[in-house]
Amino acid sequence: MSAGVVLRYWAAAKAAAGVAEESFTAGTLAELVDAAGARHGPSLPAVLARCSYLVDEVPVGTRAWASVWLPDGAVVEALPPFAGG
């Protein structure tokens, strides 16, 4: 079952997508990442592959993306690795 979700991009993901957030229809995190990669240029899929994700502020952690179901109205945040001191 697919749900209407919002994907928010941060840092390098935002730069690669060219937008801060956008809406998708997806049932799982894997479907969402695939749809986002297909919508944008070739650099976004590589960035998304390295991201950590939050679904409604809950970390996905190491769970397989295909096993992370997205409820209707979910907000998913794509967080690329950050460098810092």
Protein backbone atom coordinates (compact mmCIF):
# COMPACT_ATOMS: atom_id res chain seq x y z
CA MET A 1 0.00 0.00 0.00
CA SER A 2 1.39 3.40 -0.94
CA ALA A 3 1.16 6.52 1.17
CA GLY A 4 1.57 10.22 0.54
CA VAL A 5 4.80 11.26 2.22
CA VAL A 6 7.10 14.28 2.36
CA LEU A 7 10.83 13.82 1.85
CA ARG A 8 13.04 16.53 3.33
CA TYR A 9 16.58 16.83 2.07
CA TRP A 10 19.48 18.17 4.15
CA ALA A 11 22.99 19.38 3.22
CA ALA A 12 24.42 17.47 0.21
CA ALA A 13 21.07 15.77 -0.47
CA LYS A 14 19.38 19.17 -0.70
CA ALA A 15 22.09 20.40 -3.07
CA ALA A 16 21.78 17.30 -5.29
CA ALA A 17 17.96 17.44 -5.38
CA GLY A 18 17.81 21.19 -5.88
CA VAL A 19 14.89 21.48 -3.46
CA ALA A 20 14.48 21.34 0.33
CA GLU A 21 11.51 18.99 0.30
CA GLU A 22 8.96 17.38 -1.97
CA SER A 23 6.00 15.01 -1.90
CA PHE A 24 5.95 11.41 -3.10
CA THR A 25 3.71 8.38 -3.02
CA ALA A 26 5.59 5.38 -1.60
CA GLY A 27 4.88 2.40 0.63
CA THR A 28 8.40 1.81 1.95
CA LEU A 29 11.57 3.78 2.44
CA ALA A 30 13.17 1.78 -0.39
CA GLU A 31 10.39 2.83 -2.78
CA LEU A 32 10.76 6.45 -1.66
CA VAL A 33 14.53 6.52 -2.19
CA ASP A 34 14.12 4.92 -5.63
CA ALA A 35 11.42 7.44 -6.62
CA ALA A 36 13.50 10.40 -5.45
CA GLY A 37 16.55 9.13 -7.33
CA ALA A 38 14.51 8.66 -10.50
CA ARG A 39 13.05 12.18 -10.27
CA HIS A 40 16.41 13.97 -10.09
CA GLY A 41 19.77 13.88 -11.85
CA PRO A 42 22.39 11.18 -11.51
CA SER A 43 24.10 12.62 -8.41
CA LEU A 44 21.14 12.26 -6.03
CA PRO A 45 21.00 8.43 -5.85
CA ALA A 46 24.65 8.29 -4.75
CA VAL A 47 24.00 10.83 -2.01
CA LEU A 48 20.81 9.10 -0.85
CA ALA A 49 22.67 5.77 -0.60
CA ARG A 50 24.93 7.29 2.07
CA CYS A 51 22.16 9.02 4.05
CA SER A 52 20.70 8.19 7.41
CA TYR A 53 16.92 8.52 7.60
CA LEU A 54 14.32 9.62 10.10
CA VAL A 55 10.67 8.70 9.65
CA ASP A 56 8.45 11.00 11.70
CA GLU A 57 11.53 11.87 13.79
CA VAL A 58 12.34 8.19 14.54
CA PRO A 59 15.74 6.96 13.29
CA VAL A 60 15.61 4.11 10.77
CA GLY A 61 19.02 2.87 11.93
CA THR A 62 20.30 -0.26 10.23
CA ARG A 63 16.90 -1.66 9.24
CA ALA A 64 16.55 -2.67 5.58
CA TRP A 65 14.82 0.16 3.73
CA ALA A 66 12.36 -2.29 2.14
CA SER A 67 11.15 -3.22 5.65
CA VAL A 68 10.48 0.38 6.73
CA TRP A 69 6.79 1.02 6.01
CA LEU A 70 5.70 4.63 5.56
CA PRO A 71 2.36 5.71 7.00
CA ASP A 72 0.24 8.20 5.09
CA GLY A 73 1.40 11.73 5.87
CA ALA A 74 4.84 10.63 7.09
CA VAL A 75 7.75 13.06 7.03
CA VAL A 76 11.03 11.41 6.03
CA GLU A 77 14.32 13.25 6.47
CA ALA A 78 17.42 12.36 4.43
CA LEU A 79 20.52 13.17 6.45
CA PRO A 80 23.85 12.84 4.62
CA PRO A 81 26.98 12.21 6.67
CA PHE A 82 28.12 15.44 8.23
CA ALA A 83 31.72 16.51 8.76
CA GLY A 84 32.61 18.63 11.71
CA GLY A 85 34.98 19.31 14.49
